[in-house]
Protein backbone atom coordinates (compact mmCIF):
# COMPACT_ATOMS: atom_id res chain seq x y z
CA UNK A 1 20.38 -74.80 53.31
CA UNK A 2 22.82 -74.38 50.32
CA UNK A 3 25.43 -76.02 52.26
CA UNK A 4 23.24 -78.94 53.31
CA UNK A 5 22.19 -79.45 49.75
CA UNK A 6 25.72 -79.53 48.54
CA UNK A 7 27.03 -81.81 51.30
CA UNK A 8 24.22 -84.17 50.03
CA UNK A 9 25.36 -84.07 46.58
CA UNK A 10 29.08 -84.42 47.89
CA UNK A 11 27.96 -87.77 49.76
CA UNK A 12 26.61 -89.18 46.48
CA UNK A 13 30.27 -88.55 45.02
CA UNK A 14 32.15 -89.93 48.07
CA UNK A 15 29.77 -92.92 48.66
CA UNK A 16 30.67 -94.36 45.05
CA UNK A 17 32.04 -97.82 45.37
CA UNK A 18 35.45 -96.65 43.90
CA UNK A 19 35.89 -93.67 46.23
CA UNK A 20 34.92 -95.94 49.17
CA UNK A 21 37.40 -98.10 48.20
CA UNK A 22 40.33 -95.34 47.88
CA UNK A 23 39.01 -94.08 51.43
CA UNK A 24 39.75 -97.36 53.02
CA UNK A 25 43.15 -97.78 51.34
CA UNK A 26 44.01 -94.20 52.40
CA UNK A 27 43.04 -94.97 56.08
CA UNK A 28 45.08 -98.08 56.13
CA UNK A 29 48.01 -96.54 54.75
CA UNK A 30 47.68 -93.61 56.89
CA UNK A 31 47.49 -95.31 60.14
CA UNK A 32 50.61 -97.57 59.08
CA UNK A 33 52.58 -94.23 58.42
CA UNK A 34 51.35 -92.73 61.69
CA UNK A 35 52.68 -95.97 63.48
CA UNK A 36 56.23 -95.95 61.97
CA UNK A 37 58.36 -93.42 63.69
CA UNK A 38 60.13 -91.23 61.19
CA UNK A 39 57.42 -90.59 58.84
CA UNK A 40 54.02 -88.35 59.40
CA UNK A 41 51.11 -87.21 57.81
CA UNK A 42 52.98 -84.70 55.55
CA UNK A 43 55.52 -87.15 54.77
CA UNK A 44 53.28 -89.82 53.78
CA UNK A 45 51.05 -87.48 51.73
CA UNK A 46 53.92 -86.47 49.95
CA UNK A 47 55.71 -89.95 49.23
CA UNK A 48 52.37 -91.36 48.10
CA UNK A 49 51.11 -88.47 45.93
CA UNK A 50 52.40 -90.07 42.80
CA UNK A 51 50.03 -92.91 43.37
CA UNK A 52 47.21 -90.53 42.50
CA UNK A 53 48.12 -89.14 39.20
CA UNK A 54 45.97 -91.70 37.35
CA UNK A 55 42.95 -90.97 39.46
CA UNK A 56 40.36 -88.24 39.13
CA UNK A 57 40.93 -85.14 41.29
CA UNK A 58 38.09 -85.99 43.61
CA UNK A 59 39.14 -89.67 44.22
CA UNK A 60 43.01 -88.64 44.35
CA UNK A 61 42.09 -85.76 47.24
CA UNK A 62 39.84 -88.24 49.13
CA UNK A 63 42.76 -91.02 49.06
CA UNK A 64 45.30 -88.44 50.34
CA UNK A 65 43.04 -86.75 53.06
CA UNK A 66 42.34 -90.43 54.44
CA UNK A 67 45.91 -90.94 54.47
CA UNK A 68 46.25 -87.90 56.58
CA UNK A 69 43.20 -88.90 58.85
CA UNK A 70 44.71 -92.48 59.34
CA UNK A 71 48.21 -90.98 60.34
CA UNK A 72 46.40 -88.52 62.92
CA UNK A 73 44.71 -91.77 64.39
CA UNK A 74 47.94 -93.97 64.15
CA UNK A 75 50.43 -91.46 65.99
CA UNK A 76 48.63 -92.28 69.15
CA UNK A 77 49.18 -96.18 69.12
CA UNK A 78 52.84 -95.79 69.38
CA UNK A 79 52.94 -92.97 71.88
CA UNK A 80 50.64 -95.05 74.31
CA UNK A 81 52.10 -98.55 73.69
CA UNK A 82 55.64 -98.00 73.29
CA UNK A 83 56.18 -94.38 74.47
CA UNK A 84 57.48 -93.44 70.81
CA UNK A 85 55.67 -90.63 69.23
CA UNK A 86 54.59 -91.85 65.73
CA UNK A 87 53.89 -88.19 64.95
CA UNK A 88 55.27 -84.88 66.40
CA UNK A 89 51.65 -83.93 67.76
CA UNK A 90 51.47 -87.24 69.56
CA UNK A 91 54.38 -86.26 71.98
CA UNK A 92 51.97 -84.81 74.45
CA UNK A 93 49.78 -87.88 74.39
CA UNK A 94 52.83 -89.98 75.79
CA UNK A 95 52.84 -87.85 79.03
CA UNK A 96 49.66 -89.54 80.39
CA UNK A 97 48.82 -92.32 77.68
CA UNK A 98 51.94 -94.34 78.24
CA UNK A 99 51.63 -94.22 82.21
CA UNK A 100 47.86 -95.54 81.65
CA UNK A 101 49.59 -98.36 79.47
CA UNK A 102 52.16 -99.47 82.26
CA UNK A 103 49.10 -99.39 84.71
CA UNK A 104 47.53 -101.91 82.63
CA UNK A 105 44.85 -99.77 80.88
CA UNK A 106 46.37 -99.43 77.61
CA UNK A 107 42.88 -100.29 76.13
CA UNK A 108 41.30 -97.72 77.91
CA UNK A 109 43.87 -95.05 77.00
CA UNK A 110 43.80 -96.10 73.26
CA UNK A 111 39.94 -95.78 73.14
CA UNK A 112 40.02 -92.48 74.75
CA UNK A 113 42.62 -91.30 72.32
CA UNK A 114 40.77 -92.45 69.01
CA UNK A 115 37.33 -91.39 70.54
CA UNK A 116 38.71 -87.81 71.18
CA UNK A 117 40.42 -87.67 67.84
CA UNK A 118 37.27 -88.43 66.27
CA UNK A 119 35.34 -85.67 68.31
CA UNK A 120 38.17 -83.10 67.47
CA UNK A 121 37.89 -83.96 63.78
CA UNK A 122 33.96 -83.95 63.74
CA UNK A 123 33.87 -80.40 65.27
CA UNK A 124 36.42 -79.19 62.82
CA UNK A 125 34.43 -80.94 59.83
CA UNK A 126 31.24 -79.26 60.90
CA UNK A 127 33.07 -75.90 61.01
CA UNK A 128 34.43 -76.45 57.66
CA UNK A 129 31.20 -77.35 56.18
CA UNK A 130 29.38 -74.25 57.15
CA UNK A 131 32.19 -71.72 57.19
CA UNK A 132 33.90 -72.62 54.03
CA UNK A 133 31.17 -71.30 51.57
CA UNK A 134 31.03 -68.13 53.62
CA UNK A 135 34.80 -67.30 53.46
CA UNK A 136 34.75 -68.41 49.84
CA UNK A 137 32.03 -65.86 49.12
CA UNK A 138 33.77 -63.07 51.11
CA UNK A 139 37.16 -63.98 49.35
CA UNK A 140 35.51 -63.28 45.84
CA UNK A 141 36.13 -59.61 46.63
CA UNK A 142 39.66 -60.21 46.84
CA UNK A 143 41.97 -58.66 43.95
CA UNK A 144 45.85 -58.85 43.74
CA UNK A 145 46.54 -56.38 46.59
CA UNK A 146 43.97 -58.61 48.91
CA UNK A 147 45.34 -61.88 47.94
CA UNK A 148 49.20 -60.75 48.39
CA UNK A 149 48.03 -59.14 52.03
CA UNK A 150 46.68 -62.72 52.87
CA UNK A 151 49.92 -64.38 51.63
CA UNK A 152 52.08 -61.99 53.46
CA UNK A 153 49.87 -62.74 56.64
CA UNK A 154 50.61 -66.41 56.24
CA UNK A 155 54.51 -65.67 55.89
CA UNK A 156 54.47 -63.41 58.82
CA UNK A 157 52.23 -65.43 61.00
CA UNK A 158 54.85 -68.25 60.65
CA UNK A 159 57.68 -65.85 61.79
CA UNK A 160 55.89 -64.19 64.77
CA UNK A 161 53.85 -67.20 65.96
CA UNK A 162 56.51 -69.85 65.55
CA UNK A 163 58.36 -71.34 68.53
CA UNK A 164 61.54 -71.46 66.63
CA UNK A 165 63.92 -68.45 66.50
CA UNK A 166 62.46 -65.81 64.13
CA UNK A 167 65.91 -65.29 62.35
CA UNK A 168 65.85 -69.00 61.54
CA UNK A 169 62.24 -69.09 60.27
CA UNK A 170 63.08 -66.20 58.20
CA UNK A 171 66.07 -67.85 56.53
CA UNK A 172 64.41 -70.99 55.76
CA UNK A 173 61.58 -69.19 54.12
CA UNK A 174 64.20 -67.04 52.27
CA UNK A 175 65.51 -70.34 50.91
CA UNK A 176 62.27 -71.37 49.85
CA UNK A 177 61.56 -68.40 48.14
CA UNK A 178 64.87 -68.73 46.38
CA UNK A 179 64.15 -72.14 45.22
CA UNK A 180 60.67 -71.02 44.19
CA UNK A 181 62.13 -68.32 41.74
CA UNK A 182 64.16 -70.92 39.74
CA UNK A 183 63.07 -71.26 36.01
CA UNK A 184 61.49 -69.18 33.57
CA UNK A 185 59.74 -65.89 34.86
CA UNK A 186 55.96 -66.21 33.92
CA UNK A 187 55.75 -62.60 33.42
CA UNK A 188 58.99 -61.47 31.37
CA UNK A 189 59.81 -64.91 29.96
CA UNK A 190 63.51 -64.72 31.12
CA UNK A 191 65.41 -67.27 32.81
CA UNK A 192 66.34 -67.17 36.59
CA UNK A 193 69.07 -69.33 38.31
CA UNK A 194 68.96 -72.11 35.39
CA UNK A 195 72.68 -72.03 34.90
CA UNK A 196 71.90 -73.47 31.46
CA UNK A 197 70.30 -76.49 32.39
CA UNK A 198 67.13 -77.50 30.42
CA UNK A 199 65.61 -79.50 33.17
CA UNK A 200 65.51 -76.62 35.54
CA UNK A 201 63.30 -74.45 32.88
CA UNK A 202 60.20 -75.48 35.06
CA UNK A 203 61.89 -74.71 38.16
CA UNK A 204 62.17 -77.41 40.91
CA UNK A 205 59.18 -79.65 41.09
CA UNK A 206 57.45 -79.31 44.50
CA UNK A 207 56.56 -82.98 44.79
CA UNK A 208 60.46 -84.22 44.58
CA UNK A 209 61.33 -81.47 46.94
CA UNK A 210 58.73 -82.40 49.72
CA UNK A 211 59.59 -86.20 49.16
CA UNK A 212 63.25 -85.55 49.89
CA UNK A 213 62.71 -82.76 52.61
CA UNK A 214 60.14 -84.81 54.53
CA UNK A 215 60.40 -88.70 53.64
CA UNK A 216 64.07 -89.22 53.04
CA UNK A 217 64.98 -86.59 55.64
CA UNK A 218 62.96 -88.16 58.42
CA UNK A 219 64.46 -91.56 57.73
CA UNK A 220 68.08 -90.30 57.93
CA UNK A 221 67.16 -88.88 61.15
CA UNK A 222 65.67 -92.06 62.52
CA UNK A 223 68.33 -94.19 61.07
CA UNK A 224 70.77 -92.08 63.16
CA UNK A 225 68.95 -92.47 66.27
CA UNK A 226 68.85 -96.13 65.90
CA UNK A 227 65.31 -96.77 67.13
CA UNK A 228 64.34 -100.15 68.84
CA UNK A 229 60.85 -100.86 69.77
CA UNK A 230 59.74 -102.26 73.14
CA UNK A 231 56.45 -101.80 74.71
CA UNK A 232 53.07 -102.99 75.89
CA UNK A 233 50.84 -105.09 73.88
CA UNK A 234 47.56 -103.60 72.76
CA UNK A 235 44.17 -105.09 72.39
CA UNK A 236 40.68 -103.28 72.59
CA UNK A 237 37.60 -105.33 73.58
CA UNK A 238 34.07 -104.17 73.15
CA UNK A 239 33.81 -104.13 77.01
CA UNK A 240 36.82 -101.88 77.16
CA UNK A 241 35.27 -99.31 74.72
CA UNK A 242 31.78 -99.17 76.58
CA UNK A 243 33.58 -98.72 79.96
CA UNK A 244 35.92 -95.73 78.52
CA UNK A 245 32.78 -94.15 76.62
CA UNK A 246 31.05 -94.13 79.82
CA UNK A 247 33.68 -92.00 81.45
CA UNK A 248 34.48 -89.55 78.78
CA UNK A 249 31.34 -87.36 79.17
CA UNK A 250 32.78 -86.17 82.50
CA UNK A 251 35.43 -84.35 80.21
CA UNK A 252 33.07 -82.68 78.00
CA UNK A 253 34.77 -79.21 79.20
CA UNK A 254 38.20 -80.18 78.31
CA UNK A 255 37.06 -81.61 74.98
CA UNK A 256 35.14 -78.55 73.84
CA UNK A 257 38.19 -76.27 75.07
CA UNK A 258 40.41 -78.38 73.16
CA UNK A 259 38.24 -78.12 69.76
CA UNK A 260 38.27 -74.43 70.08
CA UNK A 261 41.98 -74.43 70.55
CA UNK A 262 42.72 -76.82 67.73
CA UNK A 263 40.52 -75.10 65.24
CA UNK A 264 42.16 -71.65 65.99
CA UNK A 265 45.78 -73.23 65.61
CA UNK A 266 44.67 -75.17 62.33
CA UNK A 267 43.40 -72.09 60.59
CA UNK A 268 46.14 -70.00 61.72
CA UNK A 269 49.67 -71.53 60.71
CA UNK A 270 50.17 -73.09 64.04
CA UNK A 271 49.38 -76.66 63.27
CA UNK A 272 48.68 -79.82 65.22
CA UNK A 273 51.69 -80.08 67.17
CA UNK A 274 51.47 -76.58 69.02
CA UNK A 275 47.74 -77.23 69.39
CA UNK A 276 48.35 -80.50 71.27
CA UNK A 277 50.78 -79.11 73.77
CA UNK A 278 48.92 -75.83 74.36
CA UNK A 279 45.53 -77.72 75.15
CA UNK A 280 47.52 -80.22 77.24
CA UNK A 281 48.90 -77.08 79.08
CA UNK A 282 45.47 -75.35 79.33
CA UNK A 283 43.96 -78.62 80.88
CA UNK A 284 46.47 -79.11 83.50
CA UNK A 285 46.46 -75.40 84.63
CA UNK A 286 42.60 -75.39 84.83
CA UNK A 287 42.34 -78.92 86.52
CA UNK A 288 41.39 -79.20 90.19
CA UNK A 289 44.09 -82.06 90.32
CA UNK A 290 47.07 -80.72 88.40
CA UNK A 291 49.58 -83.02 90.13
CA UNK A 292 48.01 -86.26 88.66
CA UNK A 293 48.70 -85.15 85.10
CA UNK A 294 51.72 -87.17 83.90
CA UNK A 295 50.72 -90.09 86.12
CA UNK A 296 48.09 -91.79 83.68
CA UNK A 297 45.27 -89.31 83.92
CA UNK A 298 42.67 -89.79 81.18
CA UNK A 299 42.03 -86.13 80.71
CA UNK A 300 45.79 -85.77 79.69
CA UNK A 301 44.90 -88.19 76.89
CA UNK A 302 41.52 -86.09 75.84
CA UNK A 303 43.20 -82.78 75.55
CA UNK A 304 46.13 -83.30 73.07
CA UNK A 305 44.41 -85.82 70.75
CA UNK A 306 41.15 -83.82 70.41
CA UNK A 307 43.11 -80.53 69.67
CA UNK A 308 45.69 -82.30 67.27
CA UNK A 309 42.83 -83.70 65.16
CA UNK A 310 40.44 -80.25 65.37
CA UNK A 311 43.96 -78.77 64.02
CA UNK A 312 44.84 -80.98 61.37
CA UNK A 313 41.24 -81.01 59.89
CA UNK A 314 40.79 -77.28 60.15
CA UNK A 315 43.91 -76.42 58.48
CA UNK A 316 42.15 -77.36 55.23
CA UNK A 317 39.67 -74.45 55.61
CA UNK A 318 42.03 -71.79 54.48
CA UNK A 319 43.81 -73.95 52.19
CA UNK A 320 40.48 -74.64 50.11
CA UNK A 321 39.03 -71.19 50.42
CA UNK A 322 42.11 -68.93 50.16
CA UNK A 323 44.72 -71.08 48.73
CA UNK A 324 46.73 -70.59 52.07
CA UNK A 325 47.73 -73.71 53.68
CA UNK A 326 47.62 -73.86 57.66
CA UNK A 327 49.88 -76.77 58.16
CA UNK A 328 52.81 -78.62 56.14
CA UNK A 329 50.34 -81.50 55.26
CA UNK A 330 47.93 -78.92 53.80
CA UNK A 331 50.71 -77.36 51.81
CA UNK A 332 51.36 -80.61 50.57
CA UNK A 333 47.83 -81.15 49.64
CA UNK A 334 47.73 -77.74 47.91
CA UNK A 335 50.56 -78.76 45.80
CA UNK A 336 48.69 -81.91 44.74
CA UNK A 337 45.69 -79.76 43.54
CA UNK A 338 48.01 -77.45 41.57
CA UNK A 339 49.55 -80.89 39.97
CA UNK A 340 45.79 -81.65 38.86
CA UNK A 341 45.33 -78.38 37.34
CA UNK A 342 42.97 -76.95 40.23
CA UNK A 343 43.48 -73.56 41.68
CA UNK A 344 42.31 -73.60 45.41
CA UNK A 345 40.64 -70.36 46.24
CA UNK A 346 37.10 -68.85 46.35
CA UNK A 347 36.31 -69.83 42.66
CA UNK A 348 36.94 -73.46 43.59
CA UNK A 349 33.41 -73.65 45.25
CA UNK A 350 31.77 -72.15 42.28
CA UNK A 351 33.74 -73.95 39.52
CA UNK A 352 34.43 -77.20 40.95
CA UNK A 353 31.46 -78.08 43.34
CA UNK A 354 31.48 -81.66 42.73
CA UNK A 355 35.21 -81.80 44.03
CA UNK A 356 34.79 -79.54 46.90
CA UNK A 357 31.64 -81.14 48.61
CA UNK A 358 33.03 -84.46 47.62
CA UNK A 359 36.10 -84.08 49.79
CA UNK A 360 34.15 -82.43 52.57
CA UNK A 361 31.72 -85.45 52.59
CA UNK A 362 34.65 -87.86 52.62
CA UNK A 363 35.79 -86.03 55.63
CA UNK A 364 32.89 -87.25 57.48
CA UNK A 365 33.05 -90.60 56.11
CA UNK A 366 36.84 -91.01 56.32
CA UNK A 367 36.63 -90.02 60.03
CA UNK A 368 33.95 -92.60 60.77
CA UNK A 369 35.97 -95.41 59.09
CA UNK A 370 39.18 -94.39 60.66
CA UNK A 371 37.53 -94.91 64.05
CA UNK A 372 36.38 -98.21 63.19
CA UNK A 373 39.44 -99.37 61.69
CA UNK A 374 41.95 -98.26 64.51
CA UNK A 375 39.60 -99.55 67.11
CA UNK A 376 39.45 -103.01 65.49
CA UNK A 377 43.14 -103.43 64.34
CA UNK A 378 45.42 -102.00 67.11
CA UNK A 379 47.25 -105.44 67.67
CA UNK A 380 48.45 -105.65 63.92
CA UNK A 381 49.81 -102.19 64.10
CA UNK A 382 51.51 -102.70 67.21
CA UNK A 383 53.05 -106.04 65.70
CA UNK A 384 54.49 -103.82 62.90
CA UNK A 385 56.61 -102.09 65.58
CA UNK A 386 58.41 -105.52 66.18
CA UNK A 387 59.72 -105.77 62.62
CA UNK A 388 63.45 -104.35 62.69
CA UNK A 389 63.62 -100.95 61.61
CA UNK A 390 66.74 -101.95 59.37
CA UNK A 391 64.19 -103.54 57.14
CA UNK A 392 61.45 -100.89 57.22
CA UNK A 393 63.91 -98.02 56.59
CA UNK A 394 65.05 -99.26 53.05
CA UNK A 395 61.55 -100.14 51.94
CA UNK A 396 60.63 -96.64 52.70
CA UNK A 397 63.61 -95.33 50.83
CA UNK A 398 62.80 -97.21 47.80
CA UNK A 399 59.13 -95.88 47.86
CA UNK A 400 60.40 -92.28 48.01
CA UNK A 401 62.61 -93.22 45.04
CA UNK A 402 59.94 -94.56 42.82
CA UNK A 403 57.68 -91.59 43.92
CA UNK A 404 60.07 -89.05 42.61
CA UNK A 405 60.78 -90.78 39.55
CA UNK A 406 57.20 -91.13 38.48
CA UNK A 407 56.59 -87.40 38.33
CA UNK A 408 58.47 -86.99 35.18
CA UNK A 409 60.39 -90.50 34.60
CA UNK A 410 63.90 -88.80 34.94
CA UNK A 411 66.56 -90.24 36.97
CA UNK A 412 67.53 -86.85 37.60
CA UNK A 413 64.53 -86.31 39.96
CA UNK A 414 65.99 -89.04 42.20
CA UNK A 415 69.06 -87.12 42.52
CA UNK A 416 67.33 -83.94 43.32
CA UNK A 417 65.26 -85.97 45.88
CA UNK A 418 68.44 -87.03 47.60
CA UNK A 419 69.95 -83.54 47.61
CA UNK A 420 66.63 -81.99 49.18
CA UNK A 421 66.83 -84.97 51.67
CA UNK A 422 70.48 -84.15 52.87
CA UNK A 423 69.37 -80.54 52.82
CA UNK A 424 66.31 -81.36 55.15
CA UNK A 425 68.68 -83.49 57.40
CA UNK A 426 71.24 -80.58 57.61
CA UNK A 427 68.46 -78.16 58.47
CA UNK A 428 67.14 -80.44 61.24
CA UNK A 429 70.49 -81.03 62.65
CA UNK A 430 71.32 -77.23 62.68
CA UNK A 431 67.50 -76.66 64.21
CA UNK A 432 66.20 -74.85 61.18
CA UNK A 433 62.51 -75.43 60.63
CA UNK A 434 61.54 -76.97 57.48
CA UNK A 435 57.91 -75.89 57.35
CA UNK A 436 58.70 -72.19 56.42
CA UNK A 437 60.80 -73.47 53.31
CA UNK A 438 58.07 -75.88 52.10
CA UNK A 439 55.40 -72.91 52.52
CA UNK A 440 57.75 -70.47 50.58
CA UNK A 441 58.36 -72.91 47.84
CA UNK A 442 54.55 -73.88 47.64
CA UNK A 443 53.22 -70.18 47.65
CA UNK A 444 56.17 -68.24 46.32
CA UNK A 445 55.26 -67.92 42.70
CA UNK A 446 51.50 -67.18 43.75
CA UNK A 447 52.65 -64.30 46.02
CA UNK A 448 55.13 -63.08 43.51
CA UNK A 449 52.37 -63.11 41.06
CA UNK A 450 50.05 -61.12 43.18
CA UNK A 451 52.66 -58.68 44.34
CA UNK A 452 53.79 -57.75 40.53
CA UNK A 453 50.22 -57.52 39.32
CA UNK A 454 49.64 -55.12 42.34
CA UNK A 455 52.70 -53.05 41.12
CA UNK A 456 51.59 -53.05 37.47
CA UNK A 457 48.17 -51.81 38.72
CA UNK A 458 49.74 -49.03 40.88
CA UNK A 459 52.64 -47.98 38.64
CA UNK A 460 54.92 -49.21 41.41
CA UNK A 461 53.35 -47.59 44.53
CA UNK A 462 53.41 -49.74 47.69
CA UNK A 463 50.61 -47.85 49.01
CA UNK A 464 48.23 -49.98 46.92
CA UNK A 465 48.35 -52.34 49.66
CA UNK A 466 46.65 -49.63 52.00
CA UNK A 467 44.10 -48.33 49.54
CA UNK A 468 41.23 -50.37 50.52
CA UNK A 469 40.21 -51.08 54.33
CA UNK A 470 40.55 -54.98 53.70
CA UNK A 471 44.05 -55.16 52.36
CA UNK A 472 45.18 -52.52 54.71
CA UNK A 473 43.81 -54.34 57.85
CA UNK A 474 45.36 -57.67 56.66
CA UNK A 475 48.71 -55.90 55.72
CA UNK A 476 48.88 -54.10 59.32
CA UNK A 477 47.95 -57.34 60.95
CA UNK A 478 50.75 -59.15 58.84
CA UNK A 479 53.33 -56.48 59.81
CA UNK A 480 52.37 -56.69 63.41
CA UNK A 481 53.08 -60.43 63.56
CA UNK A 482 56.36 -60.09 61.71
CA UNK A 483 57.56 -57.74 64.42
CA UNK A 484 55.88 -59.57 67.40
CA UNK A 485 59.01 -61.25 68.44
CA UNK A 486 60.98 -57.66 68.60
CA UNK A 487 57.99 -56.14 70.49
CA UNK A 488 58.16 -58.91 73.04
CA UNK A 489 61.99 -58.52 73.43
CA UNK A 490 61.28 -54.84 73.87
CA UNK A 491 58.86 -55.54 76.56
CA UNK A 492 60.95 -58.00 78.49
CA UNK A 493 63.79 -55.45 78.51
CA UNK A 494 61.57 -52.48 79.77
CA UNK A 495 60.35 -54.88 82.63
CA UNK A 496 64.10 -55.54 83.62
CA UNK A 497 64.74 -51.77 83.44
């Protein structure tokens, strides 16, 4: 009942005229970002984060989260109409969405994608509403050892569960830790790796780094690919919507299974992209007609879109309750909260109730507004792809530069943004994952503080992480995930023998 009462108070906050306006702007900007290949949810949130500096934290997070919802919706448009995934998690949608469009069923494919996205997000929002307060209450029992154990679990799960080679994931993460340690030591006050530069006393600003690593890097890669857009026209009539909605209940089992897969991959640091592929693969494997997948089967659109939205939304649960982001976009949002002076974690639910429940209420409203917007404006977004990318790319680069400059009003920040953009480009070309670097850059300081506080409490005894059952269990799970690739390799060797 407390959660329901708090939710109603959150709706009172989110339904203010000002916040509804920011919600609509966020959805429109998000769909635009989702439609344009080379950007994405994390990139769009990072680039547009400076726009929220003059807003209240509640209005700012509502707008940023709605940018993310819009990007999740928008990625399906290009996947189905042009066979060009606007987002990484929309790749699986192209497998059956584009064949449906080629068969003249583009409207049905788009309606299926948008409705499935709505269902997946709604399922995850309900989970966040009722589980977040319970997780937050449980997390109030955490001390420095427990917090470090949770942060260690996050880092280790990225290594153990990532599709990337573990060594590359570790190297990317180590680079993030090194960048996070630049500046003044918060414990001793000594300077680390500043090399006499006063501008580095506060370290590398998280926002400038992600604008370069995400926004500028992706533009460089897209320019290199020389994308040209050709595809089907999209228009959705009320009749198309009704016909599709009558057909979708047949796939309730696929939808429910995809919701569960998406929520699991969102809470763990899997993310929307693995969730969409996993859900598509499971749906194909359990289908009575697996050979029809890839030829324009509606179930092949339901599965990835439902899972992607469920994962993208549920990633906010560990971010809000524990301060641990479940996706790159959640990591960017975490950085935004820190910039506003808010500390994500269990105390957020007691000290900033208006903020937390306003955000959760905006998820419900943003999801509904997003569904209405994309169903009624598909032709407009499809028309954008007919603008030459040579015109769109410079505009996005200018937006990135303005966003970096507004952080501290220093031209040096634009130079740092370019350096991070080149670094991200090099990592992509060498097939090194960027997400672990961003995660370490965001959580590096907090993990270091928790670790050093634990060492001060125990006089340097590492066994403090095994003194309580809670921290011991989490630490053992983290180490197991860290060693998981080695254990799998050993198992494969023994099978060959």
